[in-house]
Amino acid sequence: MKTKQNILWSMMALVILFSVAACQPKNSDSDSKEIAEDQNEGKFKNTSLENDSEFAVEAAEGSMLEVQLGRLAMEKGTSDLVKQFAQQMITDHSKASEELMALAGSKNITLPTSLSDKKQKKYDDLVEKSKEDFDESYIEFMVKDHKDDIDKFKKEAENGKDGQLKSWAAGKISTLEHHLQMAKDAEDVVKKKNN
């Protein structure tokens, strides 16, 4: 009887311990992108997949941010053009994320499951924008972000070591360039409207 009580008390203590741990605020140690990078570094350090896995992590997080910001723009955006652009981001980047997850899974590459602290801050900054300021801020970020993405994808397409990731990146460049042009067109309209 005493053994059952000891086991019961031990189980209750563990439940309390895990409950308290779960309620603790997250710190930078729980940054999903950092965790993925650390896991990949352990698996691929000094191998041909080292840089490819870094690209995959960046691309996955970038698509995740594009989808989340697209959803935000569908809620907060005031311009029909901005909302059309946002819907295109949701559609295209959701598809790209699914493809990348499957490809990364086949290569045992760990991808982030949530935004890094840095990307979350960008999302939070846009959440705080007023409806009047949102469209212009969102589109300006989309122009800058797609320029950066195009550079990263071209670098992977030219220098990647893994043939499948290299091919996947090359296949996305024209879509990213199309997104950039759409964002620039929307930026022109939004800026004229706000001036």
N, C-alpha and C. Protein backbone atom coordinates (compact mmCIF):
# COMPACT_ATOMS: atom_id res chain seq x y z
N MET A 1 0.82 -1.20 0.00
CA MET A 1 0.00 0.00 0.00
C MET A 1 0.87 1.26 0.00
N LYS A 2 1.93 1.23 0.81
CA LYS A 2 2.81 2.39 0.89
C LYS A 2 3.50 2.65 -0.45
N THR A 3 3.86 1.59 -1.19
CA THR A 3 4.50 1.72 -2.50
C THR A 3 3.57 2.41 -3.48
N LYS A 4 2.29 2.07 -3.45
CA LYS A 4 1.32 2.72 -4.35
C LYS A 4 1.20 4.20 -4.02
N GLN A 5 1.23 4.54 -2.74
CA GLN A 5 1.16 5.95 -2.35
C GLN A 5 2.40 6.70 -2.82
N ASN A 6 3.55 6.08 -2.69
CA ASN A 6 4.79 6.72 -3.13
C ASN A 6 4.77 6.96 -4.64
N ILE A 7 4.30 5.98 -5.37
CA ILE A 7 4.20 6.13 -6.82
C ILE A 7 3.22 7.24 -7.17
N LEU A 8 2.08 7.28 -6.50
CA LEU A 8 1.08 8.31 -6.74
C LEU A 8 1.64 9.70 -6.45
N TRP A 9 2.34 9.84 -5.31
CA TRP A 9 2.93 11.13 -4.97
C TRP A 9 4.02 11.53 -5.98
N SER A 10 4.79 10.58 -6.42
CA SER A 10 5.83 10.86 -7.42
C SER A 10 5.21 11.32 -8.73
N MET A 11 4.13 10.66 -9.14
CA MET A 11 3.45 11.05 -10.38
C MET A 11 2.85 12.45 -10.25
N MET A 12 2.27 12.74 -9.10
CA MET A 12 1.69 14.07 -8.89
C MET A 12 2.78 15.14 -8.92
N ALA A 13 3.92 14.85 -8.31
CA ALA A 13 5.04 15.80 -8.32
C ALA A 13 5.52 16.06 -9.74
N LEU A 14 5.60 15.02 -10.57
CA LEU A 14 6.01 15.19 -11.97
C LEU A 14 5.01 16.03 -12.74
N VAL A 15 3.72 15.77 -12.53
CA VAL A 15 2.68 16.55 -13.21
C VAL A 15 2.81 18.04 -12.85
N ILE A 16 3.01 18.31 -11.56
CA ILE A 16 3.17 19.70 -11.12
C ILE A 16 4.43 20.31 -11.74
N LEU A 17 5.52 19.57 -11.73
CA LEU A 17 6.77 20.07 -12.30
C LEU A 17 6.61 20.42 -13.78
N PHE A 18 6.00 19.51 -14.55
CA PHE A 18 5.80 19.78 -15.98
C PHE A 18 4.83 20.93 -16.20
N SER A 19 3.83 21.05 -15.36
CA SER A 19 2.87 22.15 -15.49
C SER A 19 3.54 23.50 -15.25
N VAL A 20 4.37 23.55 -14.23
CA VAL A 20 5.10 24.79 -13.94
C VAL A 20 6.05 25.13 -15.08
N ALA A 21 6.75 24.14 -15.59
CA ALA A 21 7.70 24.37 -16.69
C ALA A 21 6.98 24.86 -17.94
N ALA A 22 5.79 24.33 -18.19
CA ALA A 22 5.04 24.74 -19.38
C ALA A 22 4.55 26.17 -19.29
N CYS A 23 4.39 26.68 -18.07
CA CYS A 23 3.88 28.04 -17.88
C CYS A 23 4.98 29.09 -17.91
N GLN A 24 6.23 28.67 -17.92
CA GLN A 24 7.33 29.62 -17.92
C GLN A 24 7.36 30.38 -19.24
N PRO A 25 7.72 31.67 -19.21
CA PRO A 25 7.80 32.43 -20.45
C PRO A 25 8.89 31.87 -21.35
N LYS A 26 8.66 31.96 -22.65
CA LYS A 26 9.65 31.47 -23.60
C LYS A 26 10.83 32.43 -23.65
N ASN A 27 12.01 31.88 -23.82
CA ASN A 27 13.19 32.71 -24.01
C ASN A 27 13.82 32.36 -25.34
N SER A 28 14.93 32.96 -25.65
CA SER A 28 15.54 32.75 -26.95
C SER A 28 15.96 31.30 -27.17
N ASP A 29 16.08 30.52 -26.07
CA ASP A 29 16.43 29.11 -26.22
C ASP A 29 15.33 28.33 -26.93
N SER A 30 14.12 28.88 -26.96
CA SER A 30 13.01 28.17 -27.57
C SER A 30 12.71 28.69 -28.98
N ASP A 31 13.59 29.49 -29.53
CA ASP A 31 13.43 30.01 -30.89
C ASP A 31 13.47 28.84 -31.86
N SER A 32 12.36 28.59 -32.54
CA SER A 32 12.23 27.42 -33.41
C SER A 32 13.28 27.40 -34.52
N LYS A 33 13.61 28.56 -35.05
CA LYS A 33 14.61 28.62 -36.11
C LYS A 33 15.99 28.22 -35.56
N GLU A 34 16.34 28.73 -34.37
CA GLU A 34 17.62 28.38 -33.78
C GLU A 34 17.70 26.89 -33.47
N ILE A 35 16.59 26.34 -32.98
CA ILE A 35 16.56 24.91 -32.68
C ILE A 35 16.80 24.10 -33.95
N ALA A 36 16.10 24.48 -35.03
CA ALA A 36 16.28 23.77 -36.31
C ALA A 36 17.71 23.88 -36.80
N GLU A 37 18.27 25.09 -36.72
CA GLU A 37 19.66 25.29 -37.16
C GLU A 37 20.63 24.45 -36.34
N ASP A 38 20.43 24.41 -35.02
CA ASP A 38 21.31 23.62 -34.16
C ASP A 38 21.21 22.13 -34.48
N GLN A 39 19.99 21.65 -34.68
CA GLN A 39 19.82 20.23 -35.00
C GLN A 39 20.47 19.90 -36.34
N ASN A 40 20.28 20.78 -37.32
CA ASN A 40 20.88 20.53 -38.63
C ASN A 40 22.40 20.60 -38.58
N GLU A 41 22.90 21.52 -37.79
CA GLU A 41 24.36 21.63 -37.67
C GLU A 41 24.93 20.33 -37.10
N GLY A 42 24.24 19.77 -36.12
CA GLY A 42 24.69 18.50 -35.55
C GLY A 42 24.67 17.37 -36.57
N LYS A 43 23.70 17.40 -37.47
CA LYS A 43 23.58 16.33 -38.47
C LYS A 43 24.47 16.54 -39.69
N PHE A 44 24.65 17.81 -40.11
CA PHE A 44 25.26 18.07 -41.42
C PHE A 44 26.57 18.85 -41.38
N LYS A 45 27.11 19.13 -40.20
CA LYS A 45 28.36 19.89 -40.11
C LYS A 45 29.43 19.22 -40.97
N ASN A 46 30.08 20.01 -41.78
CA ASN A 46 31.16 19.55 -42.66
C ASN A 46 30.70 18.50 -43.68
N THR A 47 29.42 18.58 -44.06
CA THR A 47 28.93 17.70 -45.13
C THR A 47 28.41 18.59 -46.26
N SER A 48 28.07 17.97 -47.37
CA SER A 48 27.57 18.74 -48.51
C SER A 48 26.21 19.38 -48.22
N LEU A 49 25.47 18.87 -47.24
CA LEU A 49 24.15 19.43 -46.93
C LEU A 49 24.18 20.58 -45.93
N GLU A 50 25.34 20.95 -45.43
CA GLU A 50 25.42 22.00 -44.40
C GLU A 50 24.79 23.31 -44.88
N ASN A 51 25.24 23.85 -46.01
CA ASN A 51 24.70 25.11 -46.52
C ASN A 51 23.29 24.95 -47.07
N ASP A 52 23.01 23.80 -47.66
CA ASP A 52 21.66 23.55 -48.19
C ASP A 52 20.63 23.52 -47.07
N SER A 53 21.01 22.94 -45.93
CA SER A 53 20.07 22.90 -44.81
C SER A 53 19.83 24.30 -44.25
N GLU A 54 20.86 25.14 -44.25
CA GLU A 54 20.70 26.53 -43.81
C GLU A 54 19.73 27.26 -44.74
N PHE A 55 19.87 27.05 -46.04
CA PHE A 55 18.95 27.65 -47.00
C PHE A 55 17.52 27.17 -46.76
N ALA A 56 17.36 25.87 -46.53
CA ALA A 56 16.02 25.30 -46.33
C ALA A 56 15.35 25.92 -45.10
N VAL A 57 16.11 26.12 -44.04
CA VAL A 57 15.56 26.74 -42.83
C VAL A 57 15.11 28.17 -43.13
N GLU A 58 15.96 28.93 -43.82
CA GLU A 58 15.62 30.32 -44.18
C GLU A 58 14.38 30.37 -45.08
N ALA A 59 14.35 29.50 -46.06
CA ALA A 59 13.23 29.48 -47.00
C ALA A 59 11.93 29.10 -46.31
N ALA A 60 12.00 28.13 -45.41
CA ALA A 60 10.80 27.69 -44.69
C ALA A 60 10.26 28.81 -43.82
N GLU A 61 11.15 29.47 -43.10
CA GLU A 61 10.69 30.57 -42.25
C GLU A 61 10.16 31.73 -43.08
N GLY A 62 10.82 32.01 -44.20
CA GLY A 62 10.35 33.08 -45.08
C GLY A 62 8.96 32.82 -45.59
N SER A 63 8.70 31.60 -46.03
CA SER A 63 7.35 31.26 -46.52
C SER A 63 6.32 31.34 -45.40
N MET A 64 6.72 30.90 -44.22
CA MET A 64 5.82 30.95 -43.06
C MET A 64 5.41 32.41 -42.78
N LEU A 65 6.39 33.30 -42.82
CA LEU A 65 6.11 34.72 -42.58
C LEU A 65 5.22 35.28 -43.67
N GLU A 66 5.50 34.94 -44.92
CA GLU A 66 4.68 35.44 -46.04
C GLU A 66 3.22 35.03 -45.88
N VAL A 67 2.98 33.79 -45.47
CA VAL A 67 1.61 33.30 -45.30
C VAL A 67 0.93 34.04 -44.14
N GLN A 68 1.63 34.16 -43.02
CA GLN A 68 1.04 34.83 -41.86
C GLN A 68 0.77 36.30 -42.14
N LEU A 69 1.70 36.96 -42.82
CA LEU A 69 1.47 38.37 -43.17
C LEU A 69 0.36 38.50 -44.21
N GLY A 70 0.27 37.52 -45.11
CA GLY A 70 -0.82 37.54 -46.08
C GLY A 70 -2.17 37.47 -45.40
N ARG A 71 -2.28 36.61 -44.41
CA ARG A 71 -3.54 36.51 -43.65
C ARG A 71 -3.84 37.80 -42.91
N LEU A 72 -2.79 38.39 -42.34
CA LEU A 72 -2.96 39.67 -41.65
C LEU A 72 -3.43 40.75 -42.62
N ALA A 73 -2.85 40.78 -43.81
CA ALA A 73 -3.23 41.77 -44.81
C ALA A 73 -4.67 41.57 -45.28
N MET A 74 -5.13 40.34 -45.30
CA MET A 74 -6.53 40.08 -45.67
C MET A 74 -7.47 40.68 -44.63
N GLU A 75 -7.03 40.75 -43.39
CA GLU A 75 -7.84 41.32 -42.32
C GLU A 75 -7.71 42.84 -42.25
N LYS A 76 -6.47 43.34 -42.29
CA LYS A 76 -6.21 44.76 -42.04
C LYS A 76 -6.11 45.62 -43.29
N GLY A 77 -5.85 45.00 -44.42
CA GLY A 77 -5.65 45.77 -45.64
C GLY A 77 -6.90 46.53 -46.04
N THR A 78 -6.70 47.69 -46.62
CA THR A 78 -7.85 48.50 -47.07
C THR A 78 -7.96 48.52 -48.60
N SER A 79 -6.86 48.25 -49.27
CA SER A 79 -6.84 48.28 -50.73
C SER A 79 -7.16 46.89 -51.29
N ASP A 80 -8.02 46.86 -52.30
CA ASP A 80 -8.31 45.59 -52.97
C ASP A 80 -7.05 45.00 -53.59
N LEU A 81 -6.19 45.86 -54.13
CA LEU A 81 -4.95 45.40 -54.74
C LEU A 81 -4.04 44.73 -53.70
N VAL A 82 -3.96 45.30 -52.52
CA VAL A 82 -3.16 44.73 -51.44
C VAL A 82 -3.74 43.37 -51.03
N LYS A 83 -5.05 43.29 -50.95
CA LYS A 83 -5.69 42.02 -50.57
C LYS A 83 -5.50 40.95 -51.65
N GLN A 84 -5.54 41.35 -52.91
CA GLN A 84 -5.28 40.38 -53.99
C GLN A 84 -3.84 39.87 -53.90
N PHE A 85 -2.92 40.78 -53.66
CA PHE A 85 -1.53 40.40 -53.50
C PHE A 85 -1.37 39.45 -52.31
N ALA A 86 -2.00 39.79 -51.19
CA ALA A 86 -1.91 38.98 -49.98
C ALA A 86 -2.45 37.57 -50.23
N GLN A 87 -3.55 37.46 -50.97
CA GLN A 87 -4.10 36.14 -51.26
C GLN A 87 -3.14 35.33 -52.12
N GLN A 88 -2.47 35.99 -53.04
CA GLN A 88 -1.47 35.31 -53.88
C GLN A 88 -0.32 34.80 -53.02
N MET A 89 0.08 35.60 -52.03
CA MET A 89 1.16 35.19 -51.12
C MET A 89 0.75 33.94 -50.33
N ILE A 90 -0.48 33.95 -49.83
CA ILE A 90 -0.98 32.81 -49.06
C ILE A 90 -0.97 31.54 -49.93
N THR A 91 -1.50 31.66 -51.13
CA THR A 91 -1.60 30.51 -52.03
C THR A 91 -0.22 29.98 -52.43
N ASP A 92 0.62 30.86 -52.95
CA ASP A 92 1.92 30.42 -53.48
C ASP A 92 2.88 29.95 -52.39
N HIS A 93 2.91 30.68 -51.28
CA HIS A 93 3.87 30.32 -50.24
C HIS A 93 3.40 29.11 -49.42
N SER A 94 2.10 28.89 -49.34
CA SER A 94 1.61 27.65 -48.69
C SER A 94 2.03 26.45 -49.52
N LYS A 95 1.88 26.56 -50.83
CA LYS A 95 2.28 25.46 -51.72
C LYS A 95 3.79 25.22 -51.64
N ALA A 96 4.56 26.32 -51.66
CA ALA A 96 6.02 26.19 -51.57
C ALA A 96 6.43 25.56 -50.24
N SER A 97 5.74 25.92 -49.17
CA SER A 97 6.05 25.34 -47.85
C SER A 97 5.80 23.84 -47.83
N GLU A 98 4.70 23.41 -48.42
CA GLU A 98 4.39 21.98 -48.47
C GLU A 98 5.46 21.22 -49.25
N GLU A 99 5.86 21.78 -50.38
CA GLU A 99 6.91 21.14 -51.19
C GLU A 99 8.22 21.05 -50.42
N LEU A 100 8.59 22.15 -49.77
CA LEU A 100 9.85 22.19 -49.04
C LEU A 100 9.82 21.24 -47.85
N MET A 101 8.69 21.16 -47.14
CA MET A 101 8.60 20.23 -46.02
C MET A 101 8.80 18.78 -46.47
N ALA A 102 8.20 18.44 -47.59
CA ALA A 102 8.36 17.08 -48.11
C ALA A 102 9.81 16.82 -48.51
N LEU A 103 10.41 17.78 -49.19
CA LEU A 103 11.80 17.64 -49.63
C LEU A 103 12.75 17.57 -48.44
N ALA A 104 12.56 18.46 -47.48
CA ALA A 104 13.41 18.46 -46.29
C ALA A 104 13.25 17.17 -45.50
N GLY A 105 12.02 16.70 -45.40
CA GLY A 105 11.76 15.45 -44.68
C GLY A 105 12.51 14.28 -45.29
N SER A 106 12.58 14.25 -46.62
CA SER A 106 13.28 13.15 -47.29
C SER A 106 14.79 13.21 -47.07
N LYS A 107 15.29 14.36 -46.62
CA LYS A 107 16.73 14.53 -46.41
C LYS A 107 17.08 14.66 -44.93
N ASN A 108 16.07 14.48 -44.07
CA ASN A 108 16.24 14.57 -42.63
C ASN A 108 16.67 15.97 -42.19
N ILE A 109 16.25 17.00 -42.93
CA ILE A 109 16.53 18.39 -42.57
C ILE A 109 15.41 18.87 -41.65
N THR A 110 15.78 19.41 -40.51
CA THR A 110 14.81 19.96 -39.57
C THR A 110 14.47 21.39 -39.98
N LEU A 111 13.16 21.69 -40.05
CA LEU A 111 12.70 23.02 -40.39
C LEU A 111 12.04 23.66 -39.17
N PRO A 112 12.03 24.99 -39.10
CA PRO A 112 11.37 25.65 -37.98
C PRO A 112 9.86 25.44 -38.05
N THR A 113 9.24 25.42 -36.87
CA THR A 113 7.79 25.23 -36.81
C THR A 113 7.06 26.52 -36.44
N SER A 114 7.83 27.55 -36.11
CA SER A 114 7.27 28.86 -35.81
C SER A 114 8.30 29.93 -36.19
N LEU A 115 7.86 31.17 -36.17
CA LEU A 115 8.75 32.26 -36.55
C LEU A 115 9.83 32.48 -35.50
N SER A 116 11.00 32.89 -35.97
CA SER A 116 12.08 33.28 -35.06
C SER A 116 11.66 34.56 -34.36
N ASP A 117 12.38 34.91 -33.32
CA ASP A 117 12.08 36.14 -32.59
C ASP A 117 12.14 37.35 -33.52
N LYS A 118 13.12 37.36 -34.41
CA LYS A 118 13.29 38.49 -35.34
C LYS A 118 12.10 38.62 -36.30
N LYS A 119 11.68 37.50 -36.89
CA LYS A 119 10.54 37.54 -37.82
C LYS A 119 9.24 37.82 -37.07
N GLN A 120 9.12 37.28 -35.86
CA GLN A 120 7.92 37.54 -35.07
C GLN A 120 7.80 39.03 -34.75
N LYS A 121 8.94 39.68 -34.49
CA LYS A 121 8.93 41.12 -34.23
C LYS A 121 8.43 41.88 -35.45
N LYS A 122 8.85 41.47 -36.64
CA LYS A 122 8.37 42.14 -37.86
C LYS A 122 6.86 41.97 -37.99
N TYR A 123 6.39 40.75 -37.75
CA TYR A 123 4.95 40.50 -37.80
C TYR A 123 4.23 41.39 -36.78
N ASP A 124 4.74 41.42 -35.56
CA ASP A 124 4.11 42.21 -34.50
C ASP A 124 4.11 43.70 -34.84
N ASP A 125 5.19 44.18 -35.46
CA ASP A 125 5.25 45.59 -35.89
C ASP A 125 4.12 45.90 -36.86
N LEU A 126 3.85 44.99 -37.79
CA LEU A 126 2.79 45.22 -38.77
C LEU A 126 1.40 45.09 -38.13
N VAL A 127 1.27 44.23 -37.14
CA VAL A 127 -0.01 44.11 -36.41
C VAL A 127 -0.36 45.45 -35.77
N GLU A 128 0.66 46.14 -35.27
CA GLU A 128 0.44 47.40 -34.55
C GLU A 128 0.09 48.58 -35.48
N LYS A 129 0.30 48.44 -36.77
CA LYS A 129 0.02 49.53 -37.70
C LYS A 129 -1.48 49.81 -37.75
N SER A 130 -1.81 51.07 -37.88
CA SER A 130 -3.22 51.44 -38.06
C SER A 130 -3.65 51.00 -39.45
N LYS A 131 -4.94 50.91 -39.64
CA LYS A 131 -5.45 50.53 -40.98
C LYS A 131 -4.95 51.49 -42.04
N GLU A 132 -4.84 52.77 -41.68
CA GLU A 132 -4.40 53.78 -42.64
C GLU A 132 -2.94 53.57 -43.06
N ASP A 133 -2.11 53.08 -42.13
CA ASP A 133 -0.69 52.90 -42.41
C ASP A 133 -0.32 51.48 -42.84
N PHE A 134 -1.24 50.55 -42.65
CA PHE A 134 -0.90 49.15 -42.85
C PHE A 134 -0.49 48.83 -44.29
N ASP A 135 -1.33 49.21 -45.27
CA ASP A 135 -1.08 48.83 -46.66
C ASP A 135 0.32 49.22 -47.12
N GLU A 136 0.68 50.48 -46.86
CA GLU A 136 1.98 50.96 -47.32
C GLU A 136 3.12 50.23 -46.61
N SER A 137 3.00 50.03 -45.30
CA SER A 137 4.06 49.34 -44.54
C SER A 137 4.20 47.89 -45.00
N TYR A 138 3.07 47.22 -45.19
CA TYR A 138 3.09 45.82 -45.62
C TYR A 138 3.74 45.68 -47.00
N ILE A 139 3.30 46.51 -47.94
CA ILE A 139 3.82 46.40 -49.31
C ILE A 139 5.30 46.78 -49.38
N GLU A 140 5.70 47.81 -48.63
CA GLU A 140 7.13 48.16 -48.60
C GLU A 140 7.96 46.98 -48.11
N PHE A 141 7.47 46.32 -47.07
CA PHE A 141 8.20 45.15 -46.55
C PHE A 141 8.22 44.03 -47.59
N MET A 142 7.12 43.83 -48.30
CA MET A 142 7.06 42.76 -49.30
C MET A 142 8.06 43.01 -50.43
N VAL A 143 8.23 44.25 -50.82
CA VAL A 143 9.21 44.58 -51.87
C VAL A 143 10.61 44.22 -51.38
N LYS A 144 10.96 44.71 -50.18
CA LYS A 144 12.29 44.44 -49.63
C LYS A 144 12.50 42.94 -49.42
N ASP A 145 11.51 42.28 -48.84
CA ASP A 145 11.63 40.87 -48.51
C ASP A 145 11.80 40.01 -49.77
N HIS A 146 11.06 40.34 -50.83
CA HIS A 146 11.18 39.55 -52.06
C HIS A 146 12.51 39.79 -52.77
N LYS A 147 13.06 40.98 -52.66
CA LYS A 147 14.40 41.21 -53.21
C LYS A 147 15.41 40.31 -52.50
N ASP A 148 15.30 40.27 -51.16
CA ASP A 148 16.20 39.41 -50.38
C ASP A 148 16.01 37.93 -50.73
N ASP A 149 14.75 37.52 -50.85
CA ASP A 149 14.45 36.12 -51.18
C ASP A 149 15.03 35.73 -52.53
N ILE A 150 14.86 36.59 -53.51
CA ILE A 150 15.37 36.29 -54.85
C ILE A 150 16.88 36.07 -54.80
N ASP A 151 17.58 36.93 -54.06
CA ASP A 151 19.04 36.77 -53.91
C ASP A 151 19.39 35.42 -53.29
N LYS A 152 18.70 35.04 -52.22
CA LYS A 152 18.98 33.77 -51.54
C LYS A 152 18.67 32.57 -52.44
N PHE A 153 17.55 32.64 -53.16
CA PHE A 153 17.17 31.52 -54.02
C PHE A 153 18.12 31.40 -55.21
N LYS A 154 18.56 32.52 -55.76
CA LYS A 154 19.54 32.46 -56.86
C LYS A 154 20.86 31.87 -56.38
N LYS A 155 21.27 32.26 -55.18
CA LYS A 155 22.51 31.73 -54.62
C LYS A 155 22.42 30.21 -54.45
N GLU A 156 21.28 29.73 -53.92
CA GLU A 156 21.10 28.29 -53.77
C GLU A 156 21.06 27.60 -55.13
N ALA A 157 20.35 28.21 -56.09
CA ALA A 157 20.23 27.61 -57.43
C ALA A 157 21.59 27.49 -58.11
N GLU A 158 22.48 28.44 -57.84
CA GLU A 158 23.81 28.44 -58.46
C GLU A 158 24.83 27.61 -57.67
N ASN A 159 24.77 27.68 -56.34
CA ASN A 159 25.84 27.11 -55.51
C ASN A 159 25.43 25.92 -54.65
N GLY A 160 24.15 25.57 -54.64
CA GLY A 160 23.71 24.47 -53.80
C GLY A 160 24.40 23.16 -54.17
N LYS A 161 24.59 22.32 -53.18
CA LYS A 161 25.24 21.02 -53.41
C LYS A 161 24.23 19.90 -53.64
N ASP A 162 23.05 20.03 -53.01
CA ASP A 162 22.03 19.00 -53.17
C ASP A 162 21.21 19.30 -54.43
N GLY A 163 21.20 18.38 -55.35
CA GLY A 163 20.54 18.60 -56.64
C GLY A 163 19.06 18.91 -56.53
N GLN A 164 18.36 18.24 -55.62
CA GLN A 164 16.92 18.46 -55.49
C GLN A 164 16.60 19.84 -54.89
N LEU A 165 17.32 20.22 -53.86
CA LEU A 165 17.10 21.55 -53.27
C LEU A 165 17.50 22.65 -54.25
N LYS A 166 18.59 22.42 -54.94
CA LYS A 166 19.07 23.38 -55.94
C LYS A 166 18.02 23.56 -57.03
N SER A 167 17.46 22.47 -57.50
CA SER A 167 16.43 22.51 -58.54
C SER A 167 15.14 23.16 -58.02
N TRP A 168 14.77 22.84 -56.79
CA TRP A 168 13.56 23.43 -56.19
C TRP A 168 13.72 24.95 -56.10
N ALA A 169 14.88 25.41 -55.63
CA ALA A 169 15.15 26.85 -55.51
C ALA A 169 15.09 27.52 -56.89
N ALA A 170 15.72 26.91 -57.87
CA ALA A 170 15.72 27.48 -59.23
C ALA A 170 14.30 27.59 -59.77
N GLY A 171 13.47 26.61 -59.47
CA GLY A 171 12.10 26.61 -59.95
C GLY A 171 11.22 27.66 -59.31
N LYS A 172 11.64 28.22 -58.19
CA LYS A 172 10.84 29.24 -57.48
C LYS A 172 11.23 30.67 -57.84
N ILE A 173 12.34 30.84 -58.51
CA ILE A 173 12.83 32.20 -58.78
C ILE A 173 11.84 33.01 -59.61
N SER A 174 11.28 32.42 -60.66
CA SER A 174 10.35 33.19 -61.50
C SER A 174 9.09 33.58 -60.72
N THR A 175 8.64 32.72 -59.82
CA THR A 175 7.48 33.06 -58.98
C THR A 175 7.82 34.22 -58.05
N LEU A 176 9.00 34.16 -57.44
CA LEU A 176 9.42 35.24 -56.55
C LEU A 176 9.58 36.56 -57.31
N GLU A 177 10.11 36.48 -58.53
CA GLU A 177 10.24 37.69 -59.35
C GLU A 177 8.86 38.26 -59.71
N HIS A 178 7.92 37.37 -59.97
CA HIS A 178 6.54 37.81 -60.24
C HIS A 178 5.95 38.48 -58.99
N HIS A 179 6.18 37.88 -57.82
CA HIS A 179 5.71 38.48 -56.57
C HIS A 179 6.32 39.87 -56.37
N LEU A 180 7.61 40.00 -56.65
CA LEU A 180 8.28 41.29 -56.51
C LEU A 180 7.63 42.33 -57.42
N GLN A 181 7.36 41.97 -58.66
CA GLN A 181 6.73 42.92 -59.58
C GLN A 181 5.32 43.29 -59.10
N MET A 182 4.58 42.31 -58.62
CA MET A 182 3.24 42.59 -58.08
C MET A 182 3.34 43.56 -56.90
N ALA A 183 4.31 43.33 -56.02
CA ALA A 183 4.48 44.19 -54.85
C ALA A 183 4.86 45.61 -55.27
N LYS A 184 5.75 45.73 -56.26
CA LYS A 184 6.14 47.06 -56.74
C LYS A 184 4.95 47.79 -57.35
N ASP A 185 4.14 47.07 -58.12
CA ASP A 185 2.94 47.68 -58.73
C ASP A 185 1.97 48.14 -57.65
N ALA A 186 1.78 47.32 -56.64
CA ALA A 186 0.89 47.68 -55.54
C ALA A 186 1.45 48.86 -54.75
N GLU A 187 2.77 48.87 -54.59
CA GLU A 187 3.42 49.96 -53.86
C GLU A 187 3.17 51.30 -54.56
N ASP A 188 3.27 51.31 -55.89
CA ASP A 188 3.02 52.55 -56.64
C ASP A 188 1.60 53.05 -56.41
N VAL A 189 0.63 52.14 -56.47
CA VAL A 189 -0.77 52.51 -56.29
C VAL A 189 -1.03 53.01 -54.88
N VAL A 190 -0.52 52.29 -53.89
CA VAL A 190 -0.75 52.64 -52.48
C VAL A 190 -0.12 53.99 -52.16
N LYS A 191 1.09 54.23 -52.64
CA LYS A 191 1.75 55.50 -52.36
C LYS A 191 1.02 56.67 -53.00
N LYS A 192 0.52 56.48 -54.22
CA LYS A 192 -0.25 57.56 -54.88
C LYS A 192 -1.53 57.84 -54.10
N LYS A 193 -2.15 56.79 -53.61
CA LYS A 193 -3.40 56.92 -52.86
C LYS A 193 -3.16 57.68 -51.55
N ASN A 194 -2.01 57.43 -50.93
CA ASN A 194 -1.71 58.05 -49.63
C ASN A 194 -1.13 59.45 -49.74
N ASN A 195 -0.76 59.88 -50.94
CA ASN A 195 -0.20 61.24 -51.10
C ASN A 195 -1.23 62.23 -51.56
